[in-house]
Amino acid sequence: QVQLVESGGGLVQAGGSLRLSCAASGNIFSINAMAWYRQAPGNQRELVARITNGGSTNYADSVKGRFTISRDNAKNTVYLQMNSLKPEATAVYYCMADRPYSRDAWGQGTQVTVPS
């Protein structure tokens, strides 16, 4: 089992920044990669950014150049630094642990709100 706890969401004005954190615990050795997803009201959950154990990253086109995913292996924590936030970033952000031999783990979600 893997447990994920997100933090760092909140309300920020357009153009501002937020940093989300996701702390993993449990069977972390089963994790192949970590990712951030988001889901806005009425929309499907979408991938925002992903980072592998080797440090390779990929981003949704809509956030490239503004969001950065990183990890601190000593703390078993993944971060999502979000800069130049736009109102369309408003969503619940979820941390996900990609486990190739077990069911993926999801956090409870953290709300990010960018008023228009």
PDB file of N, CA and C in Angstrom:
ATOM      1  N   GLN A   1       0.844  -1.190   0.000  1.00  0.00           N
ATOM      2  CA  GLN A   1       0.000   0.000   0.000  1.00  0.00           C
ATOM      3  C   GLN A   1       0.882   1.242   0.000  1.00  0.00           C
ATOM      4  N   VAL A   2       0.407   2.236  -0.686  1.00  0.00           N
ATOM      5  CA  VAL A   2       1.077   3.544  -0.721  1.00  0.00           C
ATOM      6  C   VAL A   2       0.062   4.597  -0.319  1.00  0.00           C
ATOM      7  N   GLN A   3       0.478   5.484   0.563  1.00  0.00           N
ATOM      8  CA  GLN A   3      -0.380   6.585   0.967  1.00  0.00           C
ATOM      9  C   GLN A   3       0.238   7.895   0.451  1.00  0.00           C
ATOM     10  N   LEU A   4      -0.616   8.760  -0.062  1.00  0.00           N
ATOM     11  CA  LEU A   4      -0.179  10.048  -0.605  1.00  0.00           C
ATOM     12  C   LEU A   4      -0.953  11.164   0.083  1.00  0.00           C
ATOM     13  N   VAL A   5      -0.240  12.168   0.533  1.00  0.00           N
ATOM     14  CA  VAL A   5      -0.878  13.310   1.184  1.00  0.00           C
ATOM     15  C   VAL A   5      -0.419  14.595   0.492  1.00  0.00           C
ATOM     16  N   GLU A   6      -1.382  15.285  -0.103  1.00  0.00           N
ATOM     17  CA  GLU A   6      -1.083  16.531  -0.811  1.00  0.00           C
ATOM     18  C   GLU A   6      -1.278  17.727   0.121  1.00  0.00           C
ATOM     19  N   SER A   7      -0.577  18.788  -0.201  1.00  0.00           N
ATOM     20  CA  SER A   7      -0.752  20.050   0.510  1.00  0.00           C
ATOM     21  C   SER A   7      -0.305  21.181  -0.407  1.00  0.00           C
ATOM     22  N   GLY A   8      -0.658  22.403  -0.019  1.00  0.00           N
ATOM     23  CA  GLY A   8      -0.183  23.574  -0.748  1.00  0.00           C
ATOM     24  C   GLY A   8      -1.185  24.258  -1.635  1.00  0.00           C
ATOM     25  N   GLY A   9      -2.375  23.708  -1.749  1.00  0.00           N
ATOM     26  CA  GLY A   9      -3.384  24.365  -2.569  1.00  0.00           C
ATOM     27  C   GLY A   9      -3.892  25.632  -1.901  1.00  0.00           C
ATOM     28  N   GLY A  10      -4.702  26.375  -2.639  1.00  0.00           N
ATOM     29  CA  GLY A  10      -5.269  27.596  -2.091  1.00  0.00           C
ATOM     30  C   GLY A  10      -5.774  28.518  -3.172  1.00  0.00           C
ATOM     31  N   LEU A  11      -6.025  29.745  -2.765  1.00  0.00           N
ATOM     32  CA  LEU A  11      -6.513  30.766  -3.694  1.00  0.00           C
ATOM     33  C   LEU A  11      -5.363  31.707  -4.016  1.00  0.00           C
ATOM     34  N   VAL A  12      -5.153  31.957  -5.278  1.00  0.00           N
ATOM     35  CA  VAL A  12      -4.080  32.846  -5.699  1.00  0.00           C
ATOM     36  C   VAL A  12      -4.567  33.667  -6.883  1.00  0.00           C
ATOM     37  N   GLN A  13      -4.157  34.894  -6.956  1.00  0.00           N
ATOM     38  CA  GLN A  13      -4.550  35.766  -8.064  1.00  0.00           C
ATOM     39  C   GLN A  13      -3.844  35.351  -9.346  1.00  0.00           C
ATOM     40  N   ALA A  14      -4.479  35.663 -10.438  1.00  0.00           N
ATOM     41  CA  ALA A  14      -3.880  35.363 -11.742  1.00  0.00           C
ATOM     42  C   ALA A  14      -2.490  35.994 -11.834  1.00  0.00           C
ATOM     43  N   GLY A  15      -1.569  35.210 -12.349  1.00  0.00           N
ATOM     44  CA  GLY A  15      -0.189  35.646 -12.447  1.00  0.00           C
ATOM     45  C   GLY A  15       0.662  35.240 -11.265  1.00  0.00           C
ATOM     46  N   GLY A  16       0.023  34.755 -10.213  1.00  0.00           N
ATOM     47  CA  GLY A  16       0.731  34.349  -9.019  1.00  0.00           C
ATOM     48  C   GLY A  16       1.279  32.939  -9.103  1.00  0.00           C
ATOM     49  N   SER A  17       1.814  32.478  -7.975  1.00  0.00           N
ATOM     50  CA  SER A  17       2.451  31.172  -7.909  1.00  0.00           C
ATOM     51  C   SER A  17       1.960  30.378  -6.711  1.00  0.00           C
ATOM     52  N   LEU A  18       2.024  29.080  -6.844  1.00  0.00           N
ATOM     53  CA  LEU A  18       1.754  28.145  -5.762  1.00  0.00           C
ATOM     54  C   LEU A  18       2.691  26.969  -5.903  1.00  0.00           C
ATOM     55  N   ARG A  19       3.006  26.340  -4.780  1.00  0.00           N
ATOM     56  CA  ARG A  19       3.748  25.088  -4.831  1.00  0.00           C
ATOM     57  C   ARG A  19       2.960  24.016  -4.099  1.00  0.00           C
ATOM     58  N   LEU A  20       2.661  22.955  -4.825  1.00  0.00           N
ATOM     59  CA  LEU A  20       1.987  21.806  -4.242  1.00  0.00           C
ATOM     60  C   LEU A  20       3.026  20.780  -3.809  1.00  0.00           C
ATOM     61  N   SER A  21       2.707  20.087  -2.736  1.00  0.00           N
ATOM     62  CA  SER A  21       3.569  19.018  -2.249  1.00  0.00           C
ATOM     63  C   SER A  21       2.769  17.734  -2.126  1.00  0.00           C
ATOM     64  N   CYS A  22       3.451  16.620  -2.322  1.00  0.00           N
ATOM     65  CA  CYS A  22       2.830  15.304  -2.185  1.00  0.00           C
ATOM     66  C   CYS A  22       3.819  14.398  -1.472  1.00  0.00           C
ATOM     67  N   ALA A  23       3.482  14.018  -0.253  1.00  0.00           N
ATOM     68  CA  ALA A  23       4.342  13.144   0.534  1.00  0.00           C
ATOM     69  C   ALA A  23       3.848  11.716   0.431  1.00  0.00           C
ATOM     70  N   ALA A  24       4.752  10.830   0.067  1.00  0.00           N
ATOM     71  CA  ALA A  24       4.421   9.421  -0.089  1.00  0.00           C
ATOM     72  C   ALA A  24       4.938   8.623   1.100  1.00  0.00           C
ATOM     73  N   SER A  25       4.167   7.616   1.484  1.00  0.00           N
ATOM     74  CA  SER A  25       4.590   6.710   2.546  1.00  0.00           C
ATOM     75  C   SER A  25       4.093   5.316   2.230  1.00  0.00           C
ATOM     76  N   GLY A  26       4.589   4.349   2.970  1.00  0.00           N
ATOM     77  CA  GLY A  26       4.207   2.965   2.723  1.00  0.00           C
ATOM     78  C   GLY A  26       5.211   2.286   1.814  1.00  0.00           C
ATOM     79  N   ASN A  27       4.728   1.475   0.895  1.00  0.00           N
ATOM     80  CA  ASN A  27       5.577   0.691   0.011  1.00  0.00           C
ATOM     81  C   ASN A  27       6.063   1.536  -1.163  1.00  0.00           C
ATOM     82  N   ILE A  28       6.911   2.512  -0.857  1.00  0.00           N
ATOM     83  CA  ILE A  28       7.336   3.449  -1.888  1.00  0.00           C
ATOM     84  C   ILE A  28       8.231   2.788  -2.933  1.00  0.00           C
ATOM     85  N   PHE A  29       8.791   1.641  -2.622  1.00  0.00           N
ATOM     86  CA  PHE A  29       9.659   0.971  -3.586  1.00  0.00           C
ATOM     87  C   PHE A  29       8.867   0.373  -4.744  1.00  0.00           C
ATOM     88  N   SER A  30       7.565   0.329  -4.595  1.00  0.00           N
ATOM     89  CA  SER A  30       6.714  -0.163  -5.685  1.00  0.00           C
ATOM     90  C   SER A  30       6.394   0.926  -6.708  1.00  0.00           C
ATOM     91  N   ILE A  31       6.828   2.161  -6.423  1.00  0.00           N
ATOM     92  CA  ILE A  31       6.470   3.302  -7.269  1.00  0.00           C
ATOM     93  C   ILE A  31       7.475   3.455  -8.405  1.00  0.00           C
ATOM     94  N   ASN A  32       6.951   3.599  -9.620  1.00  0.00           N
ATOM     95  CA  ASN A  32       7.797   3.771 -10.799  1.00  0.00           C
ATOM     96  C   ASN A  32       7.918   5.236 -11.189  1.00  0.00           C
ATOM     97  N   ALA A  33       6.864   5.976 -10.946  1.00  0.00           N
ATOM     98  CA  ALA A  33       6.837   7.394 -11.300  1.00  0.00           C
ATOM     99  C   ALA A  33       5.764   8.065 -10.459  1.00  0.00           C
ATOM    100  N   MET A  34       5.860   9.395 -10.388  1.00  0.00           N
ATOM    101  CA  MET A  34       4.850  10.183  -9.683  1.00  0.00           C
ATOM    102  C   MET A  34       4.294  11.211 -10.656  1.00  0.00           C
ATOM    103  N   ALA A  35       3.051  11.563 -10.446  1.00  0.00           N
ATOM    104  CA  ALA A  35       2.427  12.514 -11.362  1.00  0.00           C
ATOM    105  C   ALA A  35       1.435  13.399 -10.627  1.00  0.00           C
ATOM    106  N   TRP A  36       1.167  14.525 -11.250  1.00  0.00           N
ATOM    107  CA  TRP A  36       0.090  15.411 -10.813  1.00  0.00           C
ATOM    108  C   TRP A  36      -0.978  15.435 -11.893  1.00  0.00           C
ATOM    109  N   TYR A  37      -2.206  15.252 -11.475  1.00  0.00           N
ATOM    110  CA  TYR A  37      -3.367  15.378 -12.340  1.00  0.00           C
ATOM    111  C   TYR A  37      -4.238  16.503 -11.792  1.00  0.00           C
ATOM    112  N   ARG A  38      -5.155  16.964 -12.610  1.00  0.00           N
ATOM    113  CA  ARG A  38      -6.131  17.936 -12.126  1.00  0.00           C
ATOM    114  C   ARG A  38      -7.481  17.669 -12.775  1.00  0.00           C
ATOM    115  N   GLN A  39      -8.510  18.094 -12.042  1.00  0.00           N
ATOM    116  CA  GLN A  39      -9.865  17.936 -12.543  1.00  0.00           C
ATOM    117  C   GLN A  39     -10.664  19.169 -12.198  1.00  0.00           C
ATOM    118  N   ALA A  40     -11.095  19.862 -13.244  1.00  0.00           N
ATOM    119  CA  ALA A  40     -11.950  21.030 -13.083  1.00  0.00           C
ATOM    120  C   ALA A  40     -13.403  20.591 -13.144  1.00  0.00           C
ATOM    121  N   PRO A  41     -14.303  21.358 -12.566  1.00  0.00           N
ATOM    122  CA  PRO A  41     -15.731  20.991 -12.584  1.00  0.00           C
ATOM    123  C   PRO A  41     -16.217  20.753 -14.010  1.00  0.00           C
ATOM    124  N   GLY A  42     -16.866  19.610 -14.193  1.00  0.00           N
ATOM    125  CA  GLY A  42     -17.403  19.280 -15.499  1.00  0.00           C
ATOM    126  C   GLY A  42     -16.411  18.726 -16.491  1.00  0.00           C
ATOM    127  N   ASN A  43     -15.161  18.634 -16.082  1.00  0.00           N
ATOM    128  CA  ASN A  43     -14.115  18.135 -16.989  1.00  0.00           C
ATOM    129  C   ASN A  43     -13.584  16.792 -16.512  1.00  0.00           C
ATOM    130  N   GLN A  44     -12.925  16.105 -17.440  1.00  0.00           N
ATOM    131  CA  GLN A  44     -12.254  14.867 -17.060  1.00  0.00           C
ATOM    132  C   GLN A  44     -10.931  15.183 -16.359  1.00  0.00           C
ATOM    133  N   ARG A  45     -10.480  14.220 -15.591  1.00  0.00           N
ATOM    134  CA  ARG A  45      -9.179  14.374 -14.938  1.00  0.00           C
ATOM    135  C   ARG A  45      -8.097  14.318 -16.023  1.00  0.00           C
ATOM    136  N   GLU A  46      -7.146  15.238 -15.930  1.00  0.00           N
ATOM    137  CA  GLU A  46      -6.111  15.308 -16.949  1.00  0.00           C
ATOM    138  C   GLU A  46      -4.721  15.332 -16.310  1.00  0.00           C
ATOM    139  N   LEU A  47      -3.768  14.782 -17.040  1.00  0.00           N
ATOM    140  CA  LEU A  47      -2.386  14.781 -16.580  1.00  0.00           C
ATOM    141  C   LEU A  47      -1.813  16.186 -16.701  1.00  0.00           C
ATOM    142  N   VAL A  48      -1.151  16.619 -15.628  1.00  0.00           N
ATOM    143  CA  VAL A  48      -0.484  17.918 -15.637  1.00  0.00           C
ATOM    144  C   VAL A  48       1.019  17.734 -15.832  1.00  0.00           C
ATOM    145  N   ALA A  49       1.609  16.865 -15.014  1.00  0.00           N
ATOM    146  CA  ALA A  49       3.049  16.643 -15.094  1.00  0.00           C
ATOM    147  C   ALA A  49       3.378  15.288 -14.488  1.00  0.00           C
ATOM    148  N   ARG A  50       4.488  14.731 -14.944  1.00  0.00           N
ATOM    149  CA  ARG A  50       4.888  13.407 -14.480  1.00  0.00           C
ATOM    150  C   ARG A  50       6.403  13.385 -14.346  1.00  0.00           C
ATOM    151  N   ILE A  51       6.902  12.656 -13.338  1.00  0.00           N
ATOM    152  CA  ILE A  51       8.341  12.512 -13.160  1.00  0.00           C
ATOM    153  C   ILE A  51       8.645  11.067 -12.809  1.00  0.00           C
ATOM    154  N   THR A  52       9.609  10.483 -13.515  1.00  0.00           N
ATOM    155  CA  THR A  52       9.962   9.095 -13.270  1.00  0.00           C
ATOM    156  C   THR A  52      11.000   9.002 -12.145  1.00  0.00           C
ATOM    157  N   ASN A  53      11.264   7.774 -11.741  1.00  0.00           N
ATOM    158  CA  ASN A  53      12.291   7.578 -10.717  1.00  0.00           C
ATOM    159  C   ASN A  53      13.656   8.049 -11.210  1.00  0.00           C
ATOM    160  N   GLY A  54      13.849   8.013 -12.504  1.00  0.00           N
ATOM    161  CA  GLY A  54      15.105   8.465 -13.074  1.00  0.00           C
ATOM    162  C   GLY A  54      15.186   9.969 -13.275  1.00  0.00           C
ATOM    163  N   GLY A  55      14.094  10.650 -13.013  1.00  0.00           N
ATOM    164  CA  GLY A  55      14.083  12.099 -13.128  1.00  0.00           C
ATOM    165  C   GLY A  55      13.562  12.652 -14.435  1.00  0.00           C
ATOM    166  N   SER A  56      13.151  11.782 -15.352  1.00  0.00           N
ATOM    167  CA  SER A  56      12.574  12.263 -16.604  1.00  0.00           C
ATOM    168  C   SER A  56      11.200  12.866 -16.342  1.00  0.00           C
ATOM    169  N   THR A  57      10.932  13.954 -17.034  1.00  0.00           N
ATOM    170  CA  THR A  57       9.668  14.653 -16.809  1.00  0.00           C
ATOM    171  C   THR A  57       8.913  14.856 -18.113  1.00  0.00           C
ATOM    172  N   ASN A  58       7.613  14.968 -18.001  1.00  0.00           N
ATOM    173  CA  ASN A  58       6.808  15.408 -19.127  1.00  0.00           C
ATOM    174  C   ASN A  58       5.634  16.226 -18.592  1.00  0.00           C
ATOM    175  N   TYR A  59       5.161  17.133 -19.441  1.00  0.00           N
ATOM    176  CA  TYR A  59       4.152  18.105 -19.039  1.00  0.00           C
ATOM    177  C   TYR A  59       3.038  18.192 -20.070  1.00  0.00           C
ATOM    178  N   ALA A  60       1.874  18.585 -19.588  1.00  0.00           N
ATOM    179  CA  ALA A  60       0.807  18.941 -20.505  1.00  0.00           C
ATOM    180  C   ALA A  60       1.224  20.200 -21.254  1.00  0.00           C
ATOM    181  N   ASP A  61       0.842  20.288 -22.487  1.00  0.00           N
ATOM    182  CA  ASP A  61       1.224  21.447 -23.305  1.00  0.00           C
ATOM    183  C   ASP A  61       0.774  22.753 -22.660  1.00  0.00           C
ATOM    184  N   SER A  62      -0.357  22.714 -21.994  1.00  0.00           N
ATOM    185  CA  SER A  62      -0.935  23.936 -21.432  1.00  0.00           C
ATOM    186  C   SER A  62      -0.128  24.509 -20.274  1.00  0.00           C
ATOM    187  N   VAL A  63       0.788  23.717 -19.703  1.00  0.00           N
ATOM    188  CA  VAL A  63       1.545  24.192 -18.538  1.00  0.00           C
ATOM    189  C   VAL A  63       3.045  24.274 -18.803  1.00  0.00           C
ATOM    190  N   LYS A  64       3.484  23.833 -19.955  1.00  0.00           N
ATOM    191  CA  LYS A  64       4.918  23.853 -20.261  1.00  0.00           C
ATOM    192  C   LYS A  64       5.479  25.262 -20.134  1.00  0.00           C
ATOM    193  N   GLY A  65       6.616  25.342 -19.462  1.00  0.00           N
ATOM    194  CA  GLY A  65       7.264  26.624 -19.281  1.00  0.00           C
ATOM    195  C   GLY A  65       6.791  27.395 -18.059  1.00  0.00           C
ATOM    196  N   ARG A  66       5.703  26.949 -17.460  1.00  0.00           N
ATOM    197  CA  ARG A  66       5.173  27.643 -16.281  1.00  0.00           C
ATOM    198  C   ARG A  66       5.147  26.750 -15.044  1.00  0.00           C
ATOM    199  N   PHE A  67       4.954  25.455 -15.232  1.00  0.00           N
ATOM    200  CA  PHE A  67       4.909  24.512 -14.118  1.00  0.00           C
ATOM    201  C   PHE A  67       6.180  23.662 -14.130  1.00  0.00           C
ATOM    202  N   THR A  68       6.629  23.302 -12.935  1.00  0.00           N
ATOM    203  CA  THR A  68       7.796  22.437 -12.807  1.00  0.00           C
ATOM    204  C   THR A  68       7.528  21.363 -11.770  1.00  0.00           C
ATOM    205  N   ILE A  69       7.720  20.110 -12.175  1.00  0.00           N
ATOM    206  CA  ILE A  69       7.592  19.000 -11.248  1.00  0.00           C
ATOM    207  C   ILE A  69       8.996  18.597 -10.797  1.00  0.00           C
ATOM    208  N   SER A  70       9.128  18.300  -9.506  1.00  0.00           N
ATOM    209  CA  SER A  70      10.422  17.892  -8.972  1.00  0.00           C
ATOM    210  C   SER A  70      10.187  16.924  -7.823  1.00  0.00           C
ATOM    211  N   ARG A  71      11.271  16.321  -7.373  1.00  0.00           N
ATOM    212  CA  ARG A  71      11.133  15.348  -6.298  1.00  0.00           C
ATOM    213  C   ARG A  71      12.305  15.450  -5.350  1.00  0.00           C
ATOM    214  N   ASP A  72      12.024  15.158  -4.093  1.00  0.00           N
ATOM    215  CA  ASP A  72      13.064  15.066  -3.063  1.00  0.00           C
ATOM    216  C   ASP A  72      13.004  13.641  -2.539  1.00  0.00           C
ATOM    217  N   ASN A  73      13.910  12.807  -3.022  1.00  0.00           N
ATOM    218  CA  ASN A  73      13.859  11.395  -2.668  1.00  0.00           C
ATOM    219  C   ASN A  73      14.097  11.162  -1.180  1.00  0.00           C
ATOM    220  N   ALA A  74      14.871  12.006  -0.565  1.00  0.00           N
ATOM    221  CA  ALA A  74      15.136  11.848   0.870  1.00  0.00           C
ATOM    222  C   ALA A  74      13.874  12.053   1.694  1.00  0.00           C
ATOM    223  N   LYS A  75      12.973  12.862   1.170  1.00  0.00           N
ATOM    224  CA  LYS A  75      11.722  13.149   1.881  1.00  0.00           C
ATOM    225  C   LYS A  75      10.541  12.402   1.283  1.00  0.00           C
ATOM    226  N   ASN A  76      10.791  11.610   0.240  1.00  0.00           N
ATOM    227  CA  ASN A  76       9.695  10.893  -0.444  1.00  0.00           C
ATOM    228  C   ASN A  76       8.577  11.852  -0.820  1.00  0.00           C
ATOM    229  N   THR A  77       8.973  12.988  -1.344  1.00  0.00           N
ATOM    230  CA  THR A  77       8.023  14.045  -1.646  1.00  0.00           C
ATOM    231  C   THR A  77       8.210  14.537  -3.078  1.00  0.00           C
ATOM    232  N   VAL A  78       7.097  14.793  -3.720  1.00  0.00           N
ATOM    233  CA  VAL A  78       7.084  15.353  -5.064  1.00  0.00           C
ATOM    234  C   VAL A  78       6.426  16.723  -4.980  1.00  0.00           C
ATOM    235  N   TYR A  79       6.945  17.646  -5.791  1.00  0.00           N
ATOM    236  CA  TYR A  79       6.437  19.007  -5.768  1.00  0.00           C
ATOM    237  C   TYR A  79       5.926  19.405  -7.154  1.00  0.00           C
ATOM    238  N   LEU A  80       5.016  20.343  -7.157  1.00  0.00           N
ATOM    239  CA  LEU A  80       4.602  20.961  -8.403  1.00  0.00           C
ATOM    240  C   LEU A  80       4.644  22.471  -8.181  1.00  0.00           C
ATOM    241  N   GLN A  81       5.635  23.095  -8.768  1.00  0.00           N
ATOM    242  CA  GLN A  81       5.743  24.547  -8.707  1.00  0.00           C
ATOM    243  C   GLN A  81       4.948  25.130  -9.866  1.00  0.00           C
ATOM    244  N   MET A  82       3.992  25.961  -9.547  1.00  0.00           N
ATOM    245  CA  MET A  82       3.108  26.526 -10.552  1.00  0.00           C
ATOM    246  C   MET A  82       3.288  28.041 -10.574  1.00  0.00           C
ATOM    247  N   ASN A  83       3.754  28.547 -11.688  1.00  0.00           N
ATOM    248  CA  ASN A  83       3.978  29.984 -11.854  1.00  0.00           C
ATOM    249  C   ASN A  83       3.052  30.536 -12.929  1.00  0.00           C
ATOM    250  N   SER A  84       2.912  31.837 -12.914  1.00  0.00           N
ATOM    251  CA  SER A  84       2.082  32.526 -13.917  1.00  0.00           C
ATOM    252  C   SER A  84       0.722  31.854 -14.040  1.00  0.00           C
ATOM    253  N   LEU A  85       0.085  31.658 -12.910  1.00  0.00           N
ATOM    254  CA  LEU A  85      -1.179  30.916 -12.903  1.00  0.00           C
ATOM    255  C   LEU A  85      -2.276  31.695 -13.620  1.00  0.00           C
ATOM    256  N   LYS A  86      -3.104  30.929 -14.306  1.00  0.00           N
ATOM    257  CA  LYS A  86      -4.230  31.471 -15.044  1.00  0.00           C
ATOM    258  C   LYS A  86      -5.530  30.946 -14.447  1.00  0.00           C
ATOM    259  N   PRO A  87      -6.633  31.626 -14.676  1.00  0.00           N
ATOM    260  CA  PRO A  87      -7.919  31.143 -14.146  1.00  0.00           C
ATOM    261  C   PRO A  87      -8.252  29.722 -14.575  1.00  0.00           C
ATOM    262  N   GLU A  88      -7.825  29.326 -15.756  1.00  0.00           N
ATOM    263  CA  GLU A  88      -8.128  27.963 -16.215  1.00  0.00           C
ATOM    264  C   GLU A  88      -7.359  26.891 -15.447  1.00  0.00           C
ATOM    265  N   ALA A  89      -6.466  27.289 -14.573  1.00  0.00           N
ATOM    266  CA  ALA A  89      -5.775  26.342 -13.706  1.00  0.00           C
ATOM    267  C   ALA A  89      -6.636  25.929 -12.517  1.00  0.00           C
ATOM    268  N   THR A  90      -7.752  26.598 -12.330  1.00  0.00           N
ATOM    269  CA  THR A  90      -8.638  26.268 -11.217  1.00  0.00           C
ATOM    270  C   THR A  90      -9.132  24.841 -11.335  1.00  0.00           C
ATOM    271  N   ALA A  91      -8.856  24.052 -10.310  1.00  0.00           N
ATOM    272  CA  ALA A  91      -9.194  22.630 -10.348  1.00  0.00           C
ATOM    273  C   ALA A  91      -8.787  22.008  -9.010  1.00  0.00           C
ATOM    274  N   VAL A  92      -9.188  20.771  -8.833  1.00  0.00           N
ATOM    275  CA  VAL A  92      -8.644  19.952  -7.754  1.00  0.00           C
ATOM    276  C   VAL A  92      -7.434  19.215  -8.321  1.00  0.00           C
ATOM    277  N   TYR A  93      -6.325  19.337  -7.643  1.00  0.00           N
ATOM    278  CA  TYR A  93      -5.083  18.711  -8.088  1.00  0.00           C
ATOM    279  C   TYR A  93      -4.837  17.446  -7.267  1.00  0.00           C
ATOM    280  N   TYR A  94      -4.550  16.368  -7.991  1.00  0.00           N
ATOM    281  CA  TYR A  94      -4.337  15.077  -7.368  1.00  0.00           C
ATOM    282  C   TYR A  94      -2.914  14.586  -7.638  1.00  0.00           C
ATOM    283  N   CYS A  95      -2.318  14.029  -6.630  1.00  0.00           N
ATOM    284  CA  CYS A  95      -1.039  13.351  -6.770  1.00  0.00           C
ATOM    285  C   CYS A  95      -1.310  11.878  -7.055  1.00  0.00           C
ATOM    286  N   MET A  96      -0.498  11.298  -7.920  1.00  0.00           N
ATOM    287  CA  MET A  96      -0.678   9.893  -8.283  1.00  0.00           C
ATOM    288  C   MET A  96       0.669   9.189  -8.271  1.00  0.00           C
ATOM    289  N   ALA A  97       0.682   7.977  -7.725  1.00  0.00           N
ATOM    290  CA  ALA A  97       1.871   7.137  -7.738  1.00  0.00           C
ATOM    291  C   ALA A  97       1.650   6.006  -8.730  1.00  0.00           C
ATOM    292  N   ASP A  98       2.499   5.966  -9.727  1.00  0.00           N
ATOM    293  CA  ASP A  98       2.427   4.953 -10.785  1.00  0.00           C
ATOM    294  C   ASP A  98       3.124   3.691 -10.299  1.00  0.00           C
ATOM    295  N   ARG A  99       2.364   2.634 -10.122  1.00  0.00           N
ATOM    296  CA  ARG A  99       2.887   1.376  -9.610  1.00  0.00           C
ATOM    297  C   ARG A  99       2.632   0.309 -10.663  1.00  0.00           C
ATOM    298  N   PRO A 100       3.673  -0.089 -11.392  1.00  0.00           N
ATOM    299  CA  PRO A 100       3.471  -1.001 -12.524  1.00  0.00           C
ATOM    300  C   PRO A 100       2.961  -2.380 -12.142  1.00  0.00           C
ATOM    301  N   TYR A 101       3.178  -2.828 -10.913  1.00  0.00           N
ATOM    302  CA  TYR A 101       2.765  -4.177 -10.528  1.00  0.00           C
ATOM    303  C   TYR A 101       1.653  -4.175  -9.490  1.00  0.00           C
ATOM    304  N   SER A 102       1.127  -2.994  -9.207  1.00  0.00           N
ATOM    305  CA  SER A 102       0.026  -2.879  -8.250  1.00  0.00           C
ATOM    306  C   SER A 102      -0.904  -1.763  -8.709  1.00  0.00           C
ATOM    307  N   ARG A 103      -1.991  -1.620  -8.008  1.00  0.00           N
ATOM    308  CA  ARG A 103      -2.919  -0.552  -8.358  1.00  0.00           C
ATOM    309  C   ARG A 103      -2.284   0.807  -8.055  1.00  0.00           C
ATOM    310  N   ASP A 104      -2.465   1.737  -8.984  1.00  0.00           N
ATOM    311  CA  ASP A 104      -1.948   3.079  -8.762  1.00  0.00           C
ATOM    312  C   ASP A 104      -2.563   3.681  -7.498  1.00  0.00           C
ATOM    313  N   ALA A 105      -1.798   4.534  -6.819  1.00  0.00           N
ATOM    314  CA  ALA A 105      -2.289   5.195  -5.620  1.00  0.00           C
ATOM    315  C   ALA A 105      -2.597   6.652  -5.920  1.00  0.00           C
ATOM    316  N   TRP A 106      -3.628   7.173  -5.283  1.00  0.00           N
ATOM    317  CA  TRP A 106      -4.054   8.555  -5.485  1.00  0.00           C
ATOM    318  C   TRP A 106      -4.162   9.262  -4.132  1.00  0.00           C
ATOM    319  N   GLY A 107      -3.833  10.551  -4.139  1.00  0.00           N
ATOM    320  CA  GLY A 107      -4.067  11.372  -2.970  1.00  0.00           C
ATOM    321  C   GLY A 107      -5.507  11.850  -2.919  1.00  0.00           C
ATOM    322  N   GLN A 108      -5.813  12.586  -1.869  1.00  0.00           N
ATOM    323  CA  GLN A 108      -7.192  13.028  -1.650  1.00  0.00           C
ATOM    324  C   GLN A 108      -7.529  14.276  -2.458  1.00  0.00           C
ATOM    325  N   GLY A 109      -6.515  14.939  -2.982  1.00  0.00           N
ATOM    326  CA  GLY A 109      -6.750  16.130  -3.797  1.00  0.00           C
ATOM    327  C   GLY A 109      -6.606  17.412  -2.988  1.00  0.00           C
ATOM    328  N   THR A 110      -6.169  18.447  -3.676  1.00  0.00           N
ATOM    329  CA  THR A 110      -6.061  19.766  -3.063  1.00  0.00           C
ATOM    330  C   THR A 110      -6.585  20.805  -4.039  1.00  0.00           C
ATOM    331  N   GLN A 111      -7.396  21.721  -3.552  1.00  0.00           N
ATOM    332  CA  GLN A 111      -8.056  22.702  -4.406  1.00  0.00           C
ATOM    333  C   GLN A 111      -7.118  23.863  -4.730  1.00  0.00           C
ATOM    334  N   VAL A 112      -7.060  24.198  -5.993  1.00  0.00           N
ATOM    335  CA  VAL A 112      -6.363  25.400  -6.458  1.00  0.00           C
ATOM    336  C   VAL A 112      -7.394  26.287  -7.144  1.00  0.00           C
ATOM    337  N   THR A 113      -7.473  27.531  -6.706  1.00  0.00           N
ATOM    338  CA  THR A 113      -8.444  28.466  -7.268  1.00  0.00           C
ATOM    339  C   THR A 113      -7.731  29.737  -7.717  1.00  0.00           C
ATOM    340  N   VAL A 114      -7.947  30.069  -8.989  1.00  0.00           N
ATOM    341  CA  VAL A 114      -7.370  31.293  -9.567  1.00  0.00           C
ATOM    342  C   VAL A 114      -8.536  32.108 -10.107  1.00  0.00           C
ATOM    343  N   PRO A 115      -8.985  33.112  -9.384  1.00  0.00           N
ATOM    344  CA  PRO A 115     -10.155  33.883  -9.827  1.00  0.00           C
ATOM    345  C   PRO A 115      -9.874  34.637 -11.121  1.00  0.00           C
ATOM    346  N   SER A 116     -10.918  34.741 -11.912  1.00  0.00           N
ATOM    347  CA  SER A 116     -10.768  35.481 -13.179  1.00  0.00           C
ATOM    348  C   SER A 116     -11.055  36.957 -12.985  1.00  0.00           C
TER     349      SER A 116
END
